[in-house]
Protein backbone atom coordinates (compact mmCIF):
# COMPACT_ATOMS: atom_id res chain seq x y z
CA MET A 1 -72.52 -25.10 96.24
CA THR A 2 -69.82 -27.35 97.55
CA CYS A 3 -66.08 -26.70 97.77
CA PRO A 4 -63.30 -28.98 96.78
CA HIS A 5 -61.74 -30.81 99.88
CA LEU A 6 -64.18 -29.05 102.22
CA PRO A 7 -67.64 -29.98 103.47
CA THR A 8 -70.53 -27.83 102.52
CA LEU A 9 -69.97 -24.81 104.78
CA HIS A 10 -72.58 -24.35 107.45
CA PRO A 11 -74.74 -21.19 107.24
CA LEU A 12 -75.10 -20.53 110.87
CA THR A 13 -71.66 -19.11 111.81
CA PRO A 14 -70.44 -15.85 110.40
CA ARG A 15 -66.77 -16.82 110.53
CA ILE A 16 -64.86 -20.07 110.64
CA SER A 17 -62.81 -19.64 113.81
CA ARG A 18 -61.27 -17.16 116.14
CA GLY A 19 -57.99 -18.93 115.75
CA ARG A 20 -55.70 -19.23 112.72
CA TRP A 21 -58.37 -20.55 110.35
CA ARG A 22 -60.31 -17.71 108.80
CA PHE A 23 -61.80 -17.01 105.29
CA GLU A 24 -58.42 -16.10 103.90
CA HIS A 25 -57.38 -19.72 104.40
CA LEU A 26 -60.17 -20.96 102.23
CA PRO A 27 -60.56 -20.85 98.53
CA LEU A 28 -62.36 -17.62 97.48
CA ALA A 29 -65.30 -19.54 95.97
CA CYS A 30 -65.72 -21.41 99.21
CA ALA A 31 -65.71 -18.19 101.29
CA LEU A 32 -68.23 -16.56 98.97
CA ALA A 33 -70.54 -19.64 99.01
CA PHE A 34 -70.42 -19.73 102.81
CA ALA A 35 -71.21 -15.99 103.16
CA VAL A 36 -74.22 -16.30 100.80
CA ALA A 37 -75.45 -19.48 102.62
CA PHE A 38 -75.09 -17.80 105.98
CA ALA A 39 -77.19 -14.77 104.93
CA GLN A 40 -79.91 -16.91 103.51
CA LEU A 41 -80.14 -19.68 106.12
CA PHE A 42 -79.25 -18.34 109.47
CA THR A 43 -82.61 -16.48 109.53
CA LEU A 44 -84.41 -19.62 108.33
CA ILE A 45 -83.26 -21.95 110.99
CA CYS A 46 -83.43 -19.36 113.80
CA ALA A 47 -86.57 -17.50 112.71
CA THR A 48 -88.38 -20.81 113.27
CA ALA A 49 -87.68 -20.27 116.94
CA LEU A 50 -91.36 -20.47 117.66
CA PRO A 51 -93.82 -19.93 114.74
CA ALA A 52 -97.32 -19.02 115.93
CA HIS A 53 -98.90 -22.15 114.57
CA ALA A 54 -96.52 -24.45 116.47
CA ALA A 55 -96.77 -22.81 119.86
CA PRO A 56 -98.58 -24.13 122.89
CA SER A 57 -102.19 -23.56 123.51
CA SER A 58 -103.62 -20.54 125.38
CA LYS A 59 -103.99 -22.71 128.40
CA ALA A 60 -100.28 -23.39 128.35
CA VAL A 61 -99.31 -19.74 128.37
CA ARG A 62 -101.52 -18.56 131.26
CA THR A 63 -100.92 -15.32 133.02
CA ASP A 64 -101.85 -13.86 136.38
CA PRO A 65 -105.52 -12.70 136.43
CA PRO A 66 -105.78 -9.30 134.66
CA LYS A 67 -106.51 -6.46 136.94
CA HIS A 68 -106.32 -2.74 137.01
CA SER A 69 -102.82 -1.58 137.87
CA ASP A 70 -102.50 1.16 140.52
CA GLY A 71 -99.33 2.16 138.68
CA ASP A 72 -101.12 3.02 135.41
CA VAL A 73 -99.93 6.32 134.00
CA GLY A 74 -101.54 7.98 130.96
CA GLN A 75 -103.89 6.42 128.37
CA LEU A 76 -103.18 4.06 125.53
CA PRO A 77 -102.90 6.05 122.28
CA ALA A 78 -105.90 6.07 120.03
CA GLU A 79 -104.17 4.18 117.18
CA VAL A 80 -103.17 1.43 119.63
CA LEU A 81 -106.70 1.19 120.96
CA ALA A 82 -108.06 0.85 117.42
CA ALA A 83 -105.61 -1.93 116.55
CA LEU A 84 -106.58 -3.78 119.69
CA GLN A 85 -110.25 -3.37 118.89
CA ARG A 86 -109.86 -4.77 115.34
CA ALA A 87 -108.08 -7.79 116.72
CA LYS A 88 -110.73 -8.20 119.48
CA VAL A 89 -108.09 -7.94 122.25
CA PRO A 90 -109.30 -6.29 125.46
CA ASN A 91 -107.20 -3.40 126.64
CA GLU A 92 -106.37 -5.20 129.94
CA ASN A 93 -104.46 -7.78 127.91
CA PHE A 94 -101.95 -5.27 126.73
CA HIS A 95 -99.10 -4.64 129.09
CA VAL A 96 -97.08 -1.53 128.35
CA MET A 97 -94.28 0.54 129.96
CA VAL A 98 -92.69 3.56 128.22
CA VAL A 99 -90.05 5.22 130.42
CA ASP A 100 -86.78 7.13 130.21
CA THR A 101 -83.58 5.23 130.16
CA HIS A 102 -82.59 6.48 133.57
CA THR A 103 -83.70 4.47 136.66
CA GLY A 104 -86.11 6.31 138.94
CA SER A 105 -87.82 8.18 136.03
CA THR A 106 -91.55 8.71 136.06
CA PRO A 107 -93.10 6.57 133.21
CA ARG A 108 -94.32 8.37 130.12
CA LEU A 109 -96.95 5.59 129.86
CA SER A 110 -97.71 2.63 132.03
CA HIS A 111 -100.66 0.29 131.44
CA GLN A 112 -101.14 -3.03 133.24
CA ALA A 113 -97.33 -2.97 133.62
CA GLN A 114 -97.26 -4.58 137.07
CA VAL A 115 -99.04 -7.81 135.92
CA ARG A 116 -96.70 -10.80 135.51
CA VAL A 117 -97.05 -12.45 132.18
CA ASN A 118 -95.40 -15.17 130.07
CA PRO A 119 -92.85 -12.98 128.11
CA ALA A 120 -91.99 -15.59 125.46
CA SER A 121 -88.58 -14.74 124.02
CA LEU A 122 -88.40 -11.47 125.76
CA MET A 123 -86.87 -13.39 128.65
CA LYS A 124 -83.70 -13.71 126.56
CA LEU A 125 -83.06 -10.11 127.51
CA ALA A 126 -82.52 -11.14 131.17
CA THR A 127 -80.26 -14.09 130.19
CA THR A 128 -78.00 -12.08 127.86
CA THR A 129 -77.87 -9.04 130.14
CA ALA A 130 -76.87 -11.17 133.16
CA ALA A 131 -74.25 -13.06 131.02
CA LEU A 132 -72.66 -9.80 129.85
CA ASP A 133 -72.57 -8.53 133.41
CA THR A 134 -71.18 -11.74 134.97
CA LEU A 135 -69.06 -13.30 132.18
CA GLY A 136 -68.04 -10.24 130.21
CA PRO A 137 -68.35 -9.58 126.50
CA ALA A 138 -64.98 -11.27 125.78
CA PHE A 139 -65.88 -14.56 127.32
CA VAL A 140 -65.44 -17.65 125.08
CA TRP A 141 -66.20 -21.32 125.26
CA ARG A 142 -63.34 -23.74 124.81
CA THR A 143 -63.70 -27.30 123.64
CA PRO A 144 -60.59 -29.20 124.60
CA VAL A 145 -59.47 -32.28 122.75
CA PHE A 146 -57.36 -35.00 124.51
CA VAL A 147 -55.17 -37.83 123.08
CA ASP A 148 -54.48 -40.87 125.29
CA GLY A 149 -51.80 -43.03 123.72
CA PRO A 150 -48.77 -42.91 121.43
CA VAL A 151 -48.96 -42.19 117.69
CA ARG A 152 -46.95 -44.46 115.40
CA ASP A 153 -47.07 -44.21 111.60
CA GLY A 154 -50.28 -42.27 111.69
CA VAL A 155 -52.01 -44.70 114.11
CA LEU A 156 -53.12 -43.61 117.54
CA GLN A 157 -52.80 -46.48 119.99
CA GLY A 158 -55.57 -45.24 122.29
CA ASN A 159 -58.61 -42.93 122.51
CA VAL A 160 -59.42 -39.42 121.53
CA TYR A 161 -61.57 -37.44 123.99
CA ILE A 162 -63.65 -34.35 123.08
CA LYS A 163 -64.88 -32.46 126.13
CA GLY A 164 -67.91 -30.20 125.64
CA SER A 165 -67.99 -26.93 127.53
CA GLY A 166 -71.44 -25.72 126.40
CA ASP A 167 -70.36 -23.90 123.17
CA PRO A 168 -73.73 -22.73 121.68
CA ARG A 169 -72.38 -22.56 118.09
CA LEU A 170 -70.26 -25.64 117.47
CA VAL A 171 -71.61 -26.05 113.94
CA VAL A 172 -70.59 -28.21 111.03
CA GLU A 173 -67.58 -26.29 109.65
CA ARG A 174 -66.07 -25.95 113.15
CA LEU A 175 -66.48 -29.66 113.72
CA TRP A 176 -64.67 -30.12 110.40
CA LEU A 177 -61.85 -27.93 111.66
CA LEU A 178 -61.72 -29.89 114.91
CA MET A 179 -61.30 -33.15 113.02
CA ARG A 180 -58.59 -31.64 110.79
CA ARG A 181 -56.70 -30.44 113.80
CA ILE A 182 -56.73 -34.06 115.16
CA GLN A 183 -55.29 -35.14 111.83
CA GLY A 184 -52.74 -32.33 112.19
CA LEU A 185 -51.43 -34.31 115.17
CA GLY A 186 -50.28 -37.03 112.77
CA ILE A 187 -53.39 -39.13 113.39
CA GLN A 188 -55.05 -40.91 110.50
CA LYS A 189 -56.29 -43.93 112.30
CA ILE A 190 -57.65 -44.26 115.87
CA GLN A 191 -57.06 -47.69 117.18
CA GLY A 192 -59.43 -47.05 120.17
CA ASP A 193 -62.56 -44.91 120.54
CA ILE A 194 -63.56 -41.26 120.13
CA VAL A 195 -65.09 -40.41 123.51
CA LEU A 196 -67.51 -37.51 123.90
CA ASP A 197 -67.49 -35.91 127.46
CA ARG A 198 -70.75 -34.10 128.17
CA SER A 199 -70.24 -33.71 131.97
CA ALA A 200 -70.11 -29.88 131.92
CA PHE A 201 -73.92 -29.86 131.95
CA ASP A 202 -76.20 -32.02 134.02
CA VAL A 203 -79.47 -31.85 132.04
CA ALA A 204 -82.19 -34.61 131.99
CA VAL A 205 -83.11 -36.08 128.62
CA ARG A 206 -86.10 -34.24 127.24
CA ASP A 207 -88.71 -35.46 124.77
CA ALA A 208 -88.36 -33.01 121.82
CA ALA A 209 -92.15 -33.15 121.32
CA SER A 210 -93.01 -32.32 124.88
CA PHE A 211 -93.44 -28.60 124.43
CA ASP A 212 -95.73 -28.39 121.36
CA GLY A 213 -95.71 -31.71 119.58
CA GLU A 214 -93.11 -30.58 117.00
CA PRO A 215 -90.04 -32.70 117.63
CA LEU A 216 -88.44 -31.99 114.22
CA ARG A 217 -88.48 -28.20 114.55
CA PRO A 218 -84.86 -26.96 115.21
CA TYR A 219 -86.15 -24.59 117.86
CA ASN A 220 -87.08 -27.50 119.99
CA ALA A 221 -83.43 -28.81 120.20
CA ALA A 222 -82.36 -29.55 123.76
CA PRO A 223 -79.24 -28.07 125.35
CA ASP A 224 -76.09 -30.20 125.54
CA ALA A 225 -72.58 -29.68 126.81
CA LEU A 226 -71.40 -30.93 123.45
CA LEU A 227 -74.11 -29.33 121.20
CA LEU A 228 -73.15 -29.99 117.60
CA ASN A 229 -74.96 -28.18 114.86
CA PHE A 230 -78.05 -27.64 117.02
CA LYS A 231 -78.65 -31.40 116.66
CA SER A 232 -80.07 -30.50 113.26
CA LEU A 233 -79.47 -31.45 109.63
CA LEU A 234 -79.37 -29.12 106.61
CA ILE A 235 -80.90 -30.93 103.68
CA GLN A 236 -80.05 -29.32 100.34
CA PHE A 237 -82.14 -29.90 97.16
CA VAL A 238 -80.55 -28.88 93.78
CA PRO A 239 -82.62 -29.36 90.67
CA ASP A 240 -80.96 -31.18 87.78
CA ARG A 241 -83.42 -30.61 84.90
CA ALA A 242 -81.39 -32.74 82.44
CA ALA A 243 -81.82 -35.77 84.69
CA ASN A 244 -85.23 -34.64 85.83
CA VAL A 245 -84.28 -35.06 89.55
CA ALA A 246 -83.23 -32.90 92.43
CA ARG A 247 -79.88 -33.85 93.89
CA VAL A 248 -79.93 -34.26 97.68
CA GLN A 249 -77.00 -33.37 100.07
CA ILE A 250 -77.12 -33.66 103.77
CA GLU A 251 -74.79 -31.81 106.21
CA PRO A 252 -73.21 -32.76 108.53
CA PRO A 253 -72.55 -36.29 107.28
CA LEU A 254 -74.06 -38.79 109.76
CA ALA A 255 -72.37 -42.17 110.07
CA GLY A 256 -74.77 -45.14 109.55
CA VAL A 257 -77.57 -42.89 108.12
CA GLN A 258 -78.86 -43.59 104.60
CA PHE A 259 -80.63 -41.04 102.38
CA PRO A 260 -81.58 -40.85 98.79
CA ALA A 261 -79.11 -39.22 96.39
CA SER A 262 -81.92 -37.70 94.48
CA VAL A 263 -85.75 -37.15 94.26
CA PRO A 264 -87.85 -36.93 91.10
CA LEU A 265 -88.78 -33.37 89.88
CA SER A 266 -92.37 -32.36 89.43
CA ALA A 267 -94.24 -29.58 87.69
CA GLY A 268 -96.03 -28.34 90.84
CA ASP A 269 -95.83 -24.95 92.48
CA CYS A 270 -93.46 -24.22 95.34
CA SER A 271 -95.92 -23.18 98.00
CA ASP A 272 -95.49 -26.28 100.06
CA TYR A 273 -92.48 -28.19 98.70
CA ARG A 274 -91.81 -29.88 102.05
CA SER A 275 -95.16 -31.56 102.00
CA ALA A 276 -94.63 -32.57 98.35
CA LEU A 277 -91.45 -34.48 99.34
CA ARG A 278 -93.49 -36.73 101.70
CA ALA A 279 -90.52 -37.18 104.00
CA ASP A 280 -90.42 -40.20 106.29
CA TRP A 281 -88.40 -39.71 109.45
CA SER A 282 -89.61 -42.74 111.31
CA ASP A 283 -86.29 -44.67 110.99
CA PRO A 284 -83.43 -42.37 112.19
CA ALA A 285 -80.95 -44.54 110.21
CA ARG A 286 -82.85 -44.15 106.96
CA ILE A 287 -84.21 -40.87 105.71
CA ARG A 288 -86.75 -41.35 102.89
CA PHE A 289 -88.66 -39.15 100.38
CA ALA A 290 -91.66 -40.78 98.88
CA GLY A 291 -92.81 -37.73 96.92
CA ASN A 292 -91.06 -35.23 94.52
CA PHE A 293 -89.54 -31.81 94.46
CA PRO A 294 -91.14 -28.93 92.41
CA ALA A 295 -88.59 -27.86 89.77
CA VAL A 296 -89.74 -24.20 90.00
CA CYS A 297 -88.39 -24.03 93.59
CA GLY A 298 -84.83 -23.88 92.41
CA GLU A 299 -82.20 -24.72 95.05
CA LYS A 300 -83.64 -25.12 98.61
CA MET A 301 -82.25 -25.81 102.04
CA TRP A 302 -84.38 -27.52 104.62
CA PRO A 303 -83.18 -27.33 108.27
CA ILE A 304 -84.65 -30.20 110.39
CA ALA A 305 -83.95 -31.53 113.82
CA TYR A 306 -82.58 -35.09 113.74
CA ALA A 307 -85.22 -37.63 114.71
CA ALA A 308 -82.83 -39.38 117.29
CA PRO A 309 -81.24 -36.33 118.98
CA GLN A 310 -79.35 -38.45 121.55
CA GLN A 311 -77.55 -40.15 118.60
CA PHE A 312 -76.71 -36.98 116.73
CA ALA A 313 -73.31 -36.06 118.18
CA SER A 314 -71.86 -39.61 117.93
CA ARG A 315 -73.12 -39.98 114.33
CA ALA A 316 -71.88 -36.58 113.34
CA VAL A 317 -68.36 -37.00 114.80
CA ALA A 318 -68.04 -40.43 113.26
CA GLY A 319 -69.44 -39.23 109.94
CA MET A 320 -67.07 -36.22 109.72
CA TRP A 321 -63.96 -38.30 110.74
CA LEU A 322 -64.72 -40.88 108.02
CA GLN A 323 -65.55 -38.21 105.39
CA LEU A 324 -62.04 -36.71 106.04
CA GLY A 325 -60.45 -40.09 105.29
CA GLY A 326 -59.87 -41.04 108.91
CA GLN A 327 -60.23 -44.55 110.22
CA LEU A 328 -61.72 -45.69 113.44
CA SER A 329 -61.27 -49.18 114.95
CA GLY A 330 -63.54 -48.55 117.94
CA GLN A 331 -66.65 -46.48 118.25
CA VAL A 332 -67.86 -42.96 119.11
CA ARG A 333 -69.34 -43.18 122.62
CA ASP A 334 -70.05 -41.06 125.74
CA GLY A 335 -67.59 -41.05 128.59
CA ASN A 336 -65.36 -38.88 130.78
CA VAL A 337 -61.87 -37.58 130.20
CA PRO A 338 -59.22 -39.33 132.46
CA ALA A 339 -58.11 -36.96 135.20
CA HIS A 340 -54.40 -37.29 134.21
CA LEU A 341 -54.80 -36.12 130.67
CA GLN A 342 -53.80 -32.63 129.39
CA PRO A 343 -55.47 -31.11 126.31
CA ALA A 344 -53.68 -31.54 122.97
CA PHE A 345 -55.50 -28.45 121.77
CA SER A 346 -58.72 -26.54 122.29
CA VAL A 347 -61.27 -25.16 119.78
CA GLU A 348 -62.38 -21.65 120.84
CA SER A 349 -65.91 -20.17 120.19
CA ALA A 350 -66.77 -16.64 119.14
CA SER A 351 -67.01 -14.16 121.93
CA LEU A 352 -70.01 -13.70 124.07
CA ALA A 353 -70.68 -10.32 122.50
CA GLU A 354 -70.91 -11.98 119.02
CA THR A 355 -72.88 -14.96 120.45
CA ILE A 356 -75.67 -12.88 121.97
CA ARG A 357 -76.16 -11.19 118.61
CA ASP A 358 -77.38 -14.56 117.28
CA ILE A 359 -79.41 -15.25 120.39
CA ASN A 360 -81.29 -11.92 120.35
CA LYS A 361 -81.32 -10.96 116.65
CA TYR A 362 -82.72 -14.33 115.53
CA SER A 363 -84.22 -15.46 118.90
CA ASN A 364 -82.30 -18.73 118.99
CA ASN A 365 -83.76 -20.75 121.87
CA VAL A 366 -81.19 -23.52 122.28
CA MET A 367 -78.30 -21.03 122.14
CA ALA A 368 -80.08 -19.05 124.89
CA GLN A 369 -80.43 -22.20 127.02
CA GLN A 370 -76.76 -23.10 126.46
CA LEU A 371 -75.88 -19.50 127.84
CA PHE A 372 -78.28 -19.88 130.71
CA LEU A 373 -76.61 -23.20 131.75
CA THR A 374 -73.21 -21.63 131.33
CA LEU A 375 -73.98 -19.15 134.06
CA SER A 376 -73.98 -21.93 136.75
CA GLN A 377 -71.35 -24.03 135.02
CA GLN A 378 -68.83 -21.11 135.34
CA GLN A 379 -69.60 -20.68 138.95
CA ARG A 380 -70.14 -24.26 140.22
CA GLY A 381 -68.30 -26.50 137.67
CA VAL A 382 -71.43 -28.16 136.31
CA GLY A 383 -74.35 -26.31 134.66
CA THR A 384 -77.86 -27.23 135.79
CA PHE A 385 -81.19 -25.50 135.28
CA ASP A 386 -81.84 -25.29 139.05
CA ALA A 387 -78.38 -23.79 139.73
CA SER A 388 -78.79 -21.27 136.85
CA ARG A 389 -82.14 -20.15 138.22
CA GLU A 390 -80.41 -19.51 141.55
CA VAL A 391 -77.64 -17.55 139.84
CA MET A 392 -80.19 -15.42 137.95
CA GLN A 393 -82.21 -14.73 141.08
CA LEU A 394 -79.17 -13.61 143.05
CA TRP A 395 -77.98 -11.43 140.06
CA TRP A 396 -81.52 -9.85 139.75
CA ARG A 397 -81.58 -9.06 143.53
CA GLU A 398 -78.23 -7.41 143.42
CA ARG A 399 -78.35 -5.63 140.11
CA VAL A 400 -81.97 -5.01 139.19
CA GLY A 401 -84.19 -5.30 142.21
CA GLY A 402 -87.88 -5.07 142.56
CA ASP A 403 -90.35 -7.75 141.45
CA MET A 404 -88.49 -11.07 140.98
CA PRO A 405 -89.28 -12.82 137.67
CA THR A 406 -89.89 -16.56 137.52
CA PHE A 407 -86.99 -18.05 135.64
CA ASP A 408 -87.17 -21.42 133.94
CA ASN A 409 -84.63 -22.12 131.03
CA GLY A 410 -83.81 -18.54 130.09
CA SER A 411 -85.00 -18.77 126.48
CA GLY A 412 -88.79 -18.00 126.83
CA LEU A 413 -89.60 -21.39 125.26
CA SER A 414 -91.35 -22.19 128.49
CA ARG A 415 -94.79 -22.41 130.07
CA GLU A 416 -93.44 -21.24 133.47
CA GLU A 417 -91.41 -18.08 132.96
CA ARG A 418 -93.10 -14.87 134.16
CA ILE A 419 -92.15 -11.21 134.29
CA SER A 420 -93.96 -7.93 134.28
CA ALA A 421 -93.53 -5.12 131.71
CA GLN A 422 -92.42 -2.93 134.60
CA ALA A 423 -89.67 -5.37 135.57
CA LEU A 424 -88.57 -5.73 131.95
CA ALA A 425 -88.29 -1.93 131.70
CA ARG A 426 -86.21 -1.74 134.85
CA LEU A 427 -83.88 -4.42 133.48
CA LEU A 428 -83.37 -2.33 130.31
CA GLN A 429 -82.63 0.75 132.41
CA VAL A 430 -80.07 -1.17 134.33
CA ALA A 431 -78.57 -2.48 131.08
CA TRP A 432 -78.44 1.11 129.70
CA ALA A 433 -76.35 2.15 132.63
CA SER A 434 -74.01 -0.84 132.26
CA PRO A 435 -70.53 -0.57 130.75
CA HIS A 436 -71.70 -3.35 128.34
CA MET A 437 -74.71 -1.35 127.04
CA SER A 438 -73.35 -1.15 123.51
CA GLU A 439 -72.86 -4.93 123.18
CA LEU A 440 -76.51 -5.51 124.27
CA MET A 441 -77.87 -2.75 122.09
CA SER A 442 -76.11 -4.09 119.00
CA SER A 443 -77.55 -7.61 119.67
CA LEU A 444 -81.18 -6.30 119.34
CA PRO A 445 -83.02 -6.46 116.02
CA VAL A 446 -83.53 -3.10 114.29
CA THR A 447 -87.02 -2.22 113.07
CA GLY A 448 -87.51 -2.86 109.37
CA LEU A 449 -83.83 -3.89 108.90
CA ASP A 450 -82.77 -7.14 110.41
CA GLY A 451 -83.41 -10.19 112.62
CA THR A 452 -86.89 -10.82 113.86
CA MET A 453 -87.86 -7.13 113.36
CA LYS A 454 -86.97 -7.15 109.72
CA ARG A 455 -90.70 -7.26 108.67
CA SER A 456 -91.89 -4.73 111.24
CA LYS A 457 -94.07 -1.99 109.78
CA ALA A 458 -93.06 0.52 112.47
CA GLN A 459 -91.54 3.69 111.10
CA ALA A 460 -89.57 4.72 114.25
CA ILE A 461 -85.96 3.69 114.58
CA ALA A 462 -85.72 1.15 117.37
CA HIS A 463 -83.64 -1.70 118.74
CA LEU A 464 -86.16 -4.26 120.06
CA LYS A 465 -86.20 -7.85 121.09
CA THR A 466 -89.33 -9.70 120.02
CA GLY A 467 -91.25 -12.50 121.79
CA SER A 468 -93.84 -14.82 120.26
CA LEU A 469 -96.02 -17.71 121.29
CA ARG A 470 -99.45 -18.50 120.04
CA ASP A 471 -100.97 -16.33 122.72
CA VAL A 472 -98.14 -13.98 123.29
CA ALA A 473 -96.62 -11.24 121.16
CA GLY A 474 -94.28 -8.58 122.52
CA VAL A 475 -91.39 -6.24 122.00
CA ALA A 476 -88.96 -4.76 124.48
CA GLY A 477 -85.91 -2.43 123.98
CA PHE A 478 -85.10 1.04 122.97
CA VAL A 479 -86.93 3.48 120.71
CA ASP A 480 -85.41 6.66 119.30
CA THR A 481 -87.42 9.80 118.90
CA THR A 482 -87.41 12.42 116.21
CA SER A 483 -86.01 14.90 118.78
CA GLY A 484 -83.08 12.67 119.67
CA LYS A 485 -84.41 11.20 122.88
CA ARG A 486 -84.43 7.54 123.67
CA TRP A 487 -87.21 5.63 125.41
CA VAL A 488 -87.27 2.25 127.03
CA VAL A 489 -90.36 0.54 125.55
CA VAL A 490 -91.95 -2.76 126.61
CA ALA A 491 -95.22 -3.90 125.20
CA ILE A 492 -96.63 -7.39 125.64
CA LEU A 493 -99.93 -8.71 124.21
CA HIS A 494 -101.27 -11.77 126.17
CA HIS A 495 -104.46 -13.11 124.59
CA PRO A 496 -105.51 -15.86 122.19
CA ASN A 497 -105.62 -13.20 119.48
CA ALA A 498 -102.19 -11.76 120.30
CA ASN A 499 -100.65 -12.37 116.92
CA ALA A 500 -103.60 -10.76 115.16
CA ALA A 501 -102.98 -7.69 117.28
CA ARG A 502 -99.35 -7.09 116.21
CA PRO A 503 -100.25 -3.80 114.51
CA ALA A 504 -100.88 -2.54 118.07
CA LEU A 505 -97.13 -3.20 118.75
CA ASP A 506 -96.06 -1.22 115.68
CA ALA A 507 -98.43 1.59 116.65
CA MET A 508 -96.95 1.64 120.16
CA ILE A 509 -93.39 1.85 118.75
CA ASP A 510 -94.35 4.77 116.49
CA TRP A 511 -96.20 6.56 119.31
CA ALA A 512 -93.06 6.35 121.46
CA GLY A 513 -90.87 7.54 118.60
CA LYS A 514 -92.87 10.80 118.44
CA GLN A 515 -92.76 11.65 122.19
CA PRO A 516 -90.70 14.64 123.21
């Protein structure tokens, strides 16, 4: 559904802005369309954070050699052992810690908990906890816009500068609002250029296929000081049975990119509509579909990473400006804001407390990496991975202590990150004692209800972060008991059959929920 005078609203942000523009400023139909789209599609784009079939091989997610831990306490429950046996996962490849929320407590259960393993997305717990502790839950990212030159009769005699600050969620409708605010300055034509300043982060260009050979998966998007729409497209297919075609719409509009207005309908089933479309992404300036779209699918939205990610921001900014009726004599290019300029206005993000809900509930990798880089950017002026690792190490020594994890990019989409179940449990104990405990707790998926735990078969009530690679499956968080107690629970499977052994995780959660 599209709205008059507005772009199709992006499904990835639960509200338009923290400033004056909110839903009450939009037509009711637009607000409702956006709310429905968000509910349906945020999970879609973020739940693809790392599907099992697209993850690296078992060699890529190696762990320290399994060994008996002198710190083992208790025995794995019978139902857990049975699930491991059915999946053919040895007991020593299951790393578990169940302990009280208070530091210094004797574990209720500890099994292979001191072995350092690749935690997959469980590492987001460290990134988000450190961010809450150092930046505070009310922290926001601001994207300032600068105007260099006089405005006469709607024409700016100079350049517009947009300076990225690492905002993890600068998605399509917020880009639309930014462009409208430029027009609100009386500018309809820019005689110069639109300059994008990405200097807040110093991150090397990365091959999107380098991790797992899936460059078009949105979870592989690289961080960027001016990250627009996760460098991803949302392609909408709407069947028109009268014309026997599916109408195609792409958001955000990309300048210089051609795509078909429609594709033929077919009578096939909807089990693999993406393959049926026979998409050709080889030319970033021309998106083609050589196949057809099954009519029984109804309306579908396909999130896909743009094939030329380095061009995405410039094409999206130019495309949005032109779609709004703006004119541009120059080009959209990278550059730095001149030192003498002052911002004409700034676009403000959602708060950190809201942002980490998206990171943890839906395991959004690029948002986690944006936050990780922000930790050093706020302290040192420029965010780099090396500097953020140092920030995390210092924070861990001061606030958590014990065995130091190996930090890489803060998201868990890494072959190098390592942490033990024991260290993760201690992190959660520290978080429990923090004044920001409630913000972290509310960011965690709830078993059987939402986020990446929505399909969990565990019966216990729990707030748990999930982690998943081809050879890793884990949960970490807080489990409530029937008697009203709350346990810290960390359980990580590290084996080629890890995903087949997920019932062991549910059994572990339920066992913890029954402990006195």
